[in-house]
Amino acid sequence: MPFHPDGEFTRRFAVATGTFPAPGYLGWIQLESESDTAKTYVLYFEPPDAPVAGTADEFEFKERYSSADTRTLFIHDSAGVHEH
């Protein structure tokens, strides 16, 4: 799943895009931890309470941060932790 900083002027966004694992899933990105040198976000998925027919939806989640923030971004998803 691509996750990349993107933006303009004084605002930037960490953006996660992809396709949910199955129909009816919900998801979000959330800041897990931060230090003076790094910020780590987690990509979460929540399955539906009951099976849902159809096809899985695509998603795009954004988390805004300052363009002055030069810390390294780490993304934790189902494939592991990725540096960006």
PDB file of N, CA and C in Angstrom:
ATOM      1  N   MET A   1       0.821  -1.164   0.000  1.00  0.00           N
ATOM      2  CA  MET A   1       0.000   0.000   0.000  1.00  0.00           C
ATOM      3  C   MET A   1       0.877   1.243   0.000  1.00  0.00           C
ATOM      4  N   PRO A   2       0.746   2.100  -0.980  1.00  0.00           N
ATOM      5  CA  PRO A   2       1.545   3.316  -0.991  1.00  0.00           C
ATOM      6  C   PRO A   2       1.172   4.228   0.182  1.00  0.00           C
ATOM      7  N   PHE A   3       2.159   4.798   0.810  1.00  0.00           N
ATOM      8  CA  PHE A   3       1.952   5.747   1.891  1.00  0.00           C
ATOM      9  C   PHE A   3       3.046   6.773   1.712  1.00  0.00           C
ATOM     10  N   HIS A   4       2.688   8.009   1.441  1.00  0.00           N
ATOM     11  CA  HIS A   4       3.702   8.985   1.110  1.00  0.00           C
ATOM     12  C   HIS A   4       3.329  10.369   1.586  1.00  0.00           C
ATOM     13  N   PRO A   5       4.331  11.193   1.916  1.00  0.00           N
ATOM     14  CA  PRO A   5       4.034  12.577   2.229  1.00  0.00           C
ATOM     15  C   PRO A   5       3.684  13.315   0.943  1.00  0.00           C
ATOM     16  N   ASP A   6       2.710  14.167   1.026  1.00  0.00           N
ATOM     17  CA  ASP A   6       2.288  14.928  -0.143  1.00  0.00           C
ATOM     18  C   ASP A   6       1.654  16.213   0.348  1.00  0.00           C
ATOM     19  N   GLY A   7       1.779  17.291  -0.372  1.00  0.00           N
ATOM     20  CA  GLY A   7       1.125  18.518   0.058  1.00  0.00           C
ATOM     21  C   GLY A   7       1.723  19.733  -0.598  1.00  0.00           C
ATOM     22  N   GLU A   8       1.342  20.893  -0.069  1.00  0.00           N
ATOM     23  CA  GLU A   8       1.800  22.138  -0.649  1.00  0.00           C
ATOM     24  C   GLU A   8       1.905  23.190   0.446  1.00  0.00           C
ATOM     25  N   PHE A   9       2.663  24.246   0.193  1.00  0.00           N
ATOM     26  CA  PHE A   9       2.826  25.379   1.085  1.00  0.00           C
ATOM     27  C   PHE A   9       3.223  24.935   2.494  1.00  0.00           C
ATOM     28  N   THR A  10       2.449  25.281   3.521  1.00  0.00           N
ATOM     29  CA  THR A  10       2.835  24.974   4.893  1.00  0.00           C
ATOM     30  C   THR A  10       2.153  23.729   5.433  1.00  0.00           C
ATOM     31  N   ARG A  11       1.306  23.090   4.667  1.00  0.00           N
ATOM     32  CA  ARG A  11       0.658  21.856   5.107  1.00  0.00           C
ATOM     33  C   ARG A  11       1.136  20.706   4.248  1.00  0.00           C
ATOM     34  N   ARG A  12       1.342  19.584   4.889  1.00  0.00           N
ATOM     35  CA  ARG A  12       1.687  18.361   4.173  1.00  0.00           C
ATOM     36  C   ARG A  12       0.781  17.269   4.692  1.00  0.00           C
ATOM     37  N   PHE A  13       0.674  16.223   3.901  1.00  0.00           N
ATOM     38  CA  PHE A  13      -0.179  15.110   4.295  1.00  0.00           C
ATOM     39  C   PHE A  13       0.560  13.794   4.129  1.00  0.00           C
ATOM     40  N   ALA A  14       0.424  12.933   5.118  1.00  0.00           N
ATOM     41  CA  ALA A  14       0.806  11.548   4.951  1.00  0.00           C
ATOM     42  C   ALA A  14      -0.445  10.884   4.395  1.00  0.00           C
ATOM     43  N   VAL A  15      -0.316  10.212   3.255  1.00  0.00           N
ATOM     44  CA  VAL A  15      -1.482   9.647   2.565  1.00  0.00           C
ATOM     45  C   VAL A  15      -1.311   8.138   2.408  1.00  0.00           C
ATOM     46  N   ALA A  16      -2.330   7.404   2.836  1.00  0.00           N
ATOM     47  CA  ALA A  16      -2.356   5.951   2.644  1.00  0.00           C
ATOM     48  C   ALA A  16      -3.455   5.637   1.637  1.00  0.00           C
ATOM     49  N   THR A  17      -3.117   4.879   0.597  1.00  0.00           N
ATOM     50  CA  THR A  17      -4.101   4.505  -0.427  1.00  0.00           C
ATOM     51  C   THR A  17      -4.042   3.003  -0.664  1.00  0.00           C
ATOM     52  N   GLY A  18      -5.146   2.448  -1.097  1.00  0.00           N
ATOM     53  CA  GLY A  18      -5.176   1.024  -1.399  1.00  0.00           C
ATOM     54  C   GLY A  18      -6.598   0.519  -1.503  1.00  0.00           C
ATOM     55  N   THR A  19      -6.764  -0.775  -1.336  1.00  0.00           N
ATOM     56  CA  THR A  19      -8.080  -1.426  -1.384  1.00  0.00           C
ATOM     57  C   THR A  19      -8.265  -2.201  -0.088  1.00  0.00           C
ATOM     58  N   PHE A  20      -9.443  -2.065   0.512  1.00  0.00           N
ATOM     59  CA  PHE A  20      -9.733  -2.805   1.734  1.00  0.00           C
ATOM     60  C   PHE A  20      -9.610  -4.308   1.471  1.00  0.00           C
ATOM     61  N   PRO A  21      -9.357  -5.102   2.510  1.00  0.00           N
ATOM     62  CA  PRO A  21      -9.200  -6.547   2.330  1.00  0.00           C
ATOM     63  C   PRO A  21     -10.456  -7.252   1.808  1.00  0.00           C
ATOM     64  N   ALA A  22     -11.629  -6.703   2.102  1.00  0.00           N
ATOM     65  CA  ALA A  22     -12.891  -7.324   1.688  1.00  0.00           C
ATOM     66  C   ALA A  22     -14.003  -6.280   1.805  1.00  0.00           C
ATOM     67  N   PRO A  23     -15.170  -6.550   1.240  1.00  0.00           N
ATOM     68  CA  PRO A  23     -16.285  -5.606   1.354  1.00  0.00           C
ATOM     69  C   PRO A  23     -16.683  -5.370   2.806  1.00  0.00           C
ATOM     70  N   GLY A  24     -17.105  -4.139   3.102  1.00  0.00           N
ATOM     71  CA  GLY A  24     -17.612  -3.802   4.418  1.00  0.00           C
ATOM     72  C   GLY A  24     -16.572  -3.387   5.438  1.00  0.00           C
ATOM     73  N   TYR A  25     -15.304  -3.461   5.093  1.00  0.00           N
ATOM     74  CA  TYR A  25     -14.255  -3.064   6.035  1.00  0.00           C
ATOM     75  C   TYR A  25     -14.224  -1.551   6.211  1.00  0.00           C
ATOM     76  N   LEU A  26     -13.826  -1.115   7.387  1.00  0.00           N
ATOM     77  CA  LEU A  26     -13.529   0.281   7.675  1.00  0.00           C
ATOM     78  C   LEU A  26     -12.037   0.385   7.945  1.00  0.00           C
ATOM     79  N   GLY A  27     -11.501   1.595   7.886  1.00  0.00           N
ATOM     80  CA  GLY A  27     -10.086   1.750   8.152  1.00  0.00           C
ATOM     81  C   GLY A  27      -9.716   3.177   8.469  1.00  0.00           C
ATOM     82  N   TRP A  28      -8.492   3.360   8.967  1.00  0.00           N
ATOM     83  CA  TRP A  28      -7.979   4.679   9.289  1.00  0.00           C
ATOM     84  C   TRP A  28      -6.479   4.581   9.532  1.00  0.00           C
ATOM     85  N   ILE A  29      -5.809   5.759   9.522  1.00  0.00           N
ATOM     86  CA  ILE A  29      -4.416   5.824   9.947  1.00  0.00           C
ATOM     87  C   ILE A  29      -4.382   6.598  11.254  1.00  0.00           C
ATOM     88  N   GLN A  30      -3.426   6.231  12.087  1.00  0.00           N
ATOM     89  CA  GLN A  30      -3.354   6.852  13.407  1.00  0.00           C
ATOM     90  C   GLN A  30      -1.903   6.962  13.831  1.00  0.00           C
ATOM     91  N   LEU A  31      -1.574   8.089  14.447  1.00  0.00           N
ATOM     92  CA  LEU A  31      -0.228   8.275  14.966  1.00  0.00           C
ATOM     93  C   LEU A  31      -0.010   7.311  16.129  1.00  0.00           C
ATOM     94  N   GLU A  32       1.013   6.476  16.011  1.00  0.00           N
ATOM     95  CA  GLU A  32       1.312   5.494  17.051  1.00  0.00           C
ATOM     96  C   GLU A  32       2.337   6.030  18.051  1.00  0.00           C
ATOM     97  N   SER A  33       3.372   6.677  17.530  1.00  0.00           N
ATOM     98  CA  SER A  33       4.408   7.220  18.403  1.00  0.00           C
ATOM     99  C   SER A  33       5.152   8.319  17.670  1.00  0.00           C
ATOM    100  N   GLU A  34       5.814   9.164  18.461  1.00  0.00           N
ATOM    101  CA  GLU A  34       6.659  10.194  17.866  1.00  0.00           C
ATOM    102  C   GLU A  34       7.805  10.515  18.806  1.00  0.00           C
ATOM    103  N   SER A  35       8.917  10.915  18.197  1.00  0.00           N
ATOM    104  CA  SER A  35      10.107  11.313  18.937  1.00  0.00           C
ATOM    105  C   SER A  35      10.662  12.560  18.261  1.00  0.00           C
ATOM    106  N   ASP A  36      11.829  12.983  18.689  1.00  0.00           N
ATOM    107  CA  ASP A  36      12.457  14.154  18.070  1.00  0.00           C
ATOM    108  C   ASP A  36      12.867  13.889  16.635  1.00  0.00           C
ATOM    109  N   THR A  37      13.036  12.612  16.260  1.00  0.00           N
ATOM    110  CA  THR A  37      13.547  12.283  14.922  1.00  0.00           C
ATOM    111  C   THR A  37      12.584  11.497  14.042  1.00  0.00           C
ATOM    112  N   ALA A  38      11.468  10.997  14.615  1.00  0.00           N
ATOM    113  CA  ALA A  38      10.586  10.135  13.813  1.00  0.00           C
ATOM    114  C   ALA A  38       9.139  10.191  14.286  1.00  0.00           C
ATOM    115  N   LYS A  39       8.243   9.900  13.344  1.00  0.00           N
ATOM    116  CA  LYS A  39       6.818   9.726  13.636  1.00  0.00           C
ATOM    117  C   LYS A  39       6.402   8.392  13.026  1.00  0.00           C
ATOM    118  N   THR A  40       5.668   7.589  13.777  1.00  0.00           N
ATOM    119  CA  THR A  40       5.207   6.302  13.281  1.00  0.00           C
ATOM    120  C   THR A  40       3.687   6.285  13.256  1.00  0.00           C
ATOM    121  N   TYR A  41       3.144   5.978  12.089  1.00  0.00           N
ATOM    122  CA  TYR A  41       1.701   5.853  11.902  1.00  0.00           C
ATOM    123  C   TYR A  41       1.350   4.385  11.704  1.00  0.00           C
ATOM    124  N   VAL A  42       0.127   4.030  12.087  1.00  0.00           N
ATOM    125  CA  VAL A  42      -0.369   2.670  11.897  1.00  0.00           C
ATOM    126  C   VAL A  42      -1.601   2.732  11.003  1.00  0.00           C
ATOM    127  N   LEU A  43      -1.661   1.818  10.052  1.00  0.00           N
ATOM    128  CA  LEU A  43      -2.834   1.667   9.190  1.00  0.00           C
ATOM    129  C   LEU A  43      -3.702   0.566   9.779  1.00  0.00           C
ATOM    130  N   TYR A  44      -4.907   0.923  10.197  1.00  0.00           N
ATOM    131  CA  TYR A  44      -5.830  -0.022  10.827  1.00  0.00           C
ATOM    132  C   TYR A  44      -6.970  -0.397   9.893  1.00  0.00           C
ATOM    133  N   PHE A  45      -7.396  -1.657   9.944  1.00  0.00           N
ATOM    134  CA  PHE A  45      -8.603  -2.131   9.264  1.00  0.00           C
ATOM    135  C   PHE A  45      -9.502  -2.791  10.289  1.00  0.00           C
ATOM    136  N   GLU A  46     -10.801  -2.569  10.157  1.00  0.00           N
ATOM    137  CA  GLU A  46     -11.791  -3.199  11.028  1.00  0.00           C
ATOM    138  C   GLU A  46     -12.804  -3.942  10.168  1.00  0.00           C
ATOM    139  N   PRO A  47     -12.960  -5.246  10.381  1.00  0.00           N
ATOM    140  CA  PRO A  47     -13.905  -6.022   9.563  1.00  0.00           C
ATOM    141  C   PRO A  47     -15.353  -5.712   9.962  1.00  0.00           C
ATOM    142  N   PRO A  48     -16.285  -5.976   9.067  1.00  0.00           N
ATOM    143  CA  PRO A  48     -17.701  -5.771   9.400  1.00  0.00           C
ATOM    144  C   PRO A  48     -18.164  -6.815  10.422  1.00  0.00           C
ATOM    145  N   ASP A  49     -19.251  -6.516  11.131  1.00  0.00           N
ATOM    146  CA  ASP A  49     -19.813  -7.463  12.100  1.00  0.00           C
ATOM    147  C   ASP A  49     -20.357  -8.714  11.425  1.00  0.00           C
ATOM    148  N   ALA A  50     -20.857  -8.549  10.203  1.00  0.00           N
ATOM    149  CA  ALA A  50     -21.392  -9.675   9.432  1.00  0.00           C
ATOM    150  C   ALA A  50     -20.847  -9.574   8.012  1.00  0.00           C
ATOM    151  N   PRO A  51     -20.714 -10.687   7.300  1.00  0.00           N
ATOM    152  CA  PRO A  51     -20.219 -10.640   5.919  1.00  0.00           C
ATOM    153  C   PRO A  51     -21.044  -9.694   5.047  1.00  0.00           C
ATOM    154  N   VAL A  52     -20.349  -9.020   4.142  1.00  0.00           N
ATOM    155  CA  VAL A  52     -20.981  -8.066   3.234  1.00  0.00           C
ATOM    156  C   VAL A  52     -20.722  -8.528   1.808  1.00  0.00           C
ATOM    157  N   ALA A  53     -21.765  -8.533   0.989  1.00  0.00           N
ATOM    158  CA  ALA A  53     -21.619  -8.934  -0.420  1.00  0.00           C
ATOM    159  C   ALA A  53     -21.004  -7.787  -1.222  1.00  0.00           C
ATOM    160  N   GLY A  54     -20.434  -8.116  -2.344  1.00  0.00           N
ATOM    161  CA  GLY A  54     -19.901  -7.104  -3.246  1.00  0.00           C
ATOM    162  C   GLY A  54     -18.396  -7.159  -3.341  1.00  0.00           C
ATOM    163  N   THR A  55     -17.837  -6.044  -3.749  1.00  0.00           N
ATOM    164  CA  THR A  55     -16.395  -5.951  -3.910  1.00  0.00           C
ATOM    165  C   THR A  55     -15.830  -4.976  -2.881  1.00  0.00           C
ATOM    166  N   ALA A  56     -14.577  -5.151  -2.552  1.00  0.00           N
ATOM    167  CA  ALA A  56     -13.910  -4.278  -1.585  1.00  0.00           C
ATOM    168  C   ALA A  56     -13.739  -2.876  -2.167  1.00  0.00           C
ATOM    169  N   ASP A  57     -13.951  -1.875  -1.337  1.00  0.00           N
ATOM    170  CA  ASP A  57     -13.789  -0.473  -1.738  1.00  0.00           C
ATOM    171  C   ASP A  57     -12.324  -0.066  -1.684  1.00  0.00           C
ATOM    172  N   GLU A  58     -11.998   0.951  -2.444  1.00  0.00           N
ATOM    173  CA  GLU A  58     -10.677   1.566  -2.345  1.00  0.00           C
ATOM    174  C   GLU A  58     -10.719   2.586  -1.215  1.00  0.00           C
ATOM    175  N   PHE A  59      -9.533   2.928  -0.689  1.00  0.00           N
ATOM    176  CA  PHE A  59      -9.482   3.930   0.375  1.00  0.00           C
ATOM    177  C   PHE A  59      -8.356   4.915   0.123  1.00  0.00           C
ATOM    178  N   GLU A  60      -8.506   6.086   0.741  1.00  0.00           N
ATOM    179  CA  GLU A  60      -7.456   7.096   0.800  1.00  0.00           C
ATOM    180  C   GLU A  60      -7.608   7.797   2.140  1.00  0.00           C
ATOM    181  N   PHE A  61      -6.604   7.651   3.004  1.00  0.00           N
ATOM    182  CA  PHE A  61      -6.613   8.297   4.308  1.00  0.00           C
ATOM    183  C   PHE A  61      -5.495   9.323   4.339  1.00  0.00           C
ATOM    184  N   LYS A  62      -5.771  10.497   4.934  1.00  0.00           N
ATOM    185  CA  LYS A  62      -4.774  11.552   5.023  1.00  0.00           C
ATOM    186  C   LYS A  62      -4.595  11.978   6.474  1.00  0.00           C
ATOM    187  N   GLU A  63      -3.348  12.228   6.826  1.00  0.00           N
ATOM    188  CA  GLU A  63      -3.010  12.774   8.137  1.00  0.00           C
ATOM    189  C   GLU A  63      -2.159  14.007   7.885  1.00  0.00           C
ATOM    190  N   ARG A  64      -2.624  15.157   8.333  1.00  0.00           N
ATOM    191  CA  ARG A  64      -1.936  16.424   8.059  1.00  0.00           C
ATOM    192  C   ARG A  64      -0.808  16.665   9.065  1.00  0.00           C
ATOM    193  N   TYR A  65       0.286  17.245   8.570  1.00  0.00           N
ATOM    194  CA  TYR A  65       1.378  17.664   9.439  1.00  0.00           C
ATOM    195  C   TYR A  65       2.070  18.863   8.804  1.00  0.00           C
ATOM    196  N   SER A  66       2.851  19.575   9.577  1.00  0.00           N
ATOM    197  CA  SER A  66       3.511  20.797   9.126  1.00  0.00           C
ATOM    198  C   SER A  66       4.647  20.482   8.162  1.00  0.00           C
ATOM    199  N   SER A  67       4.813  21.339   7.163  1.00  0.00           N
ATOM    200  CA  SER A  67       5.928  21.149   6.223  1.00  0.00           C
ATOM    201  C   SER A  67       7.266  21.398   6.901  1.00  0.00           C
ATOM    202  N   ALA A  68       7.262  22.078   8.046  1.00  0.00           N
ATOM    203  CA  ALA A  68       8.496  22.301   8.796  1.00  0.00           C
ATOM    204  C   ALA A  68       8.922  21.047   9.563  1.00  0.00           C
ATOM    205  N   ASP A  69       8.039  20.066   9.641  1.00  0.00           N
ATOM    206  CA  ASP A  69       8.337  18.821  10.350  1.00  0.00           C
ATOM    207  C   ASP A  69       9.209  17.949   9.456  1.00  0.00           C
ATOM    208  N   THR A  70      10.471  17.813   9.818  1.00  0.00           N
ATOM    209  CA  THR A  70      11.419  17.071   8.983  1.00  0.00           C
ATOM    210  C   THR A  70      11.728  15.684   9.533  1.00  0.00           C
ATOM    211  N   ARG A  71      10.954  15.231  10.522  1.00  0.00           N
ATOM    212  CA  ARG A  71      11.182  13.901  11.088  1.00  0.00           C
ATOM    213  C   ARG A  71      10.900  12.817  10.046  1.00  0.00           C
ATOM    214  N   THR A  72      11.550  11.692  10.197  1.00  0.00           N
ATOM    215  CA  THR A  72      11.335  10.546   9.326  1.00  0.00           C
ATOM    216  C   THR A  72       9.968   9.948   9.626  1.00  0.00           C
ATOM    217  N   LEU A  73       9.236   9.577   8.566  1.00  0.00           N
ATOM    218  CA  LEU A  73       7.938   8.927   8.724  1.00  0.00           C
ATOM    219  C   LEU A  73       8.109   7.421   8.609  1.00  0.00           C
ATOM    220  N   PHE A  74       7.515   6.705   9.530  1.00  0.00           N
ATOM    221  CA  PHE A  74       7.447   5.253   9.472  1.00  0.00           C
ATOM    222  C   PHE A  74       5.975   4.866   9.434  1.00  0.00           C
ATOM    223  N   ILE A  75       5.658   3.894   8.603  1.00  0.00           N
ATOM    224  CA  ILE A  75       4.290   3.416   8.457  1.00  0.00           C
ATOM    225  C   ILE A  75       4.264   1.941   8.827  1.00  0.00           C
ATOM    226  N   HIS A  76       3.379   1.593   9.731  1.00  0.00           N
ATOM    227  CA  HIS A  76       3.224   0.205  10.160  1.00  0.00           C
ATOM    228  C   HIS A  76       1.908  -0.312   9.587  1.00  0.00           C
ATOM    229  N   ASP A  77       1.996  -1.298   8.690  1.00  0.00           N
ATOM    230  CA  ASP A  77       0.805  -1.914   8.108  1.00  0.00           C
ATOM    231  C   ASP A  77       0.951  -3.434   8.176  1.00  0.00           C
ATOM    232  N   SER A  78       0.067  -4.140   7.512  1.00  0.00           N
ATOM    233  CA  SER A  78       0.084  -5.604   7.596  1.00  0.00           C
ATOM    234  C   SER A  78       1.345  -6.233   7.006  1.00  0.00           C
ATOM    235  N   ALA A  79       2.088  -5.479   6.197  1.00  0.00           N
ATOM    236  CA  ALA A  79       3.316  -6.006   5.593  1.00  0.00           C
ATOM    237  C   ALA A  79       4.557  -5.676   6.417  1.00  0.00           C
ATOM    238  N   GLY A  80       4.409  -4.882   7.482  1.00  0.00           N
ATOM    239  CA  GLY A  80       5.550  -4.528   8.319  1.00  0.00           C
ATOM    240  C   GLY A  80       5.657  -3.044   8.520  1.00  0.00           C
ATOM    241  N   VAL A  81       6.858  -2.587   8.885  1.00  0.00           N
ATOM    242  CA  VAL A  81       7.124  -1.165   9.106  1.00  0.00           C
ATOM    243  C   VAL A  81       7.965  -0.656   7.960  1.00  0.00           C
ATOM    244  N   HIS A  82       7.536   0.462   7.389  1.00  0.00           N
ATOM    245  CA  HIS A  82       8.190   1.019   6.204  1.00  0.00           C
ATOM    246  C   HIS A  82       8.640   2.447   6.493  1.00  0.00           C
ATOM    247  N   GLU A  83       9.836   2.790   6.069  1.00  0.00           N
ATOM    248  CA  GLU A  83      10.343   4.153   6.226  1.00  0.00           C
ATOM    249  C   GLU A  83      10.015   4.962   4.979  1.00  0.00           C
ATOM    250  N   HIS A  84       9.581   6.191   5.209  1.00  0.00           N
ATOM    251  CA  HIS A  84       9.253   7.090   4.088  1.00  0.00           C
ATOM    252  C   HIS A  84       9.856   8.437   4.292  1.00  0.00           C
TER     253      HIS A  84
END
